[in-house]
């Protein structure tokens, strides 16, 4: 939780700078690029997070490796190195994503099904929920065969479970009460 709070502060500052320069999406893309590059190889991740590696050396290497990033994204990563806060990068990216989503007035919608839905089926679900909740959604579809059938929808802290596995769990719970 403390890391989330600190990461939120960094993300808020970065988001504010990006908003002022009208480059929110560019900075978001570049932050994701850095995080993915660091996580793509365990050796790179170890180097980036290591407190033993000299900060100046690490900053030089990162500066050369990511010289094509937007200045805000690059300076954010370099600031994390200078302050020895490299471990916060992933959480800062997650907090930045939340801020960007809020700024657009969107909400994350997770659609979990036993088999993959067609684009038309997803569009229909999104349209109906968008009308009911009067919001737009960033959709993430997850295929989970353990659901057996039906759909489980998660919107923020709301969950609608229309899956067979969910129904079976409800029946098992009722039976255990008797």
Foldseek 3Di string as FASTA:
>chain_A
DVLLVVLLVLLVVLCVVCVVVVNLVLLLVLLVVVVCVCVVDVVSVCVLLPPVDDLVVSLVVLCVVSVVGDPSNNVSSNVCSVVSNSVSSVSNSVSNVVVVCVVQQEWEKEKEFQDDDDPVVVVVVQVVVCVVVVTHYDYDYHHDNVLVGDIWMDTPPDIDDPTPNVVVVVVVVVVVVD
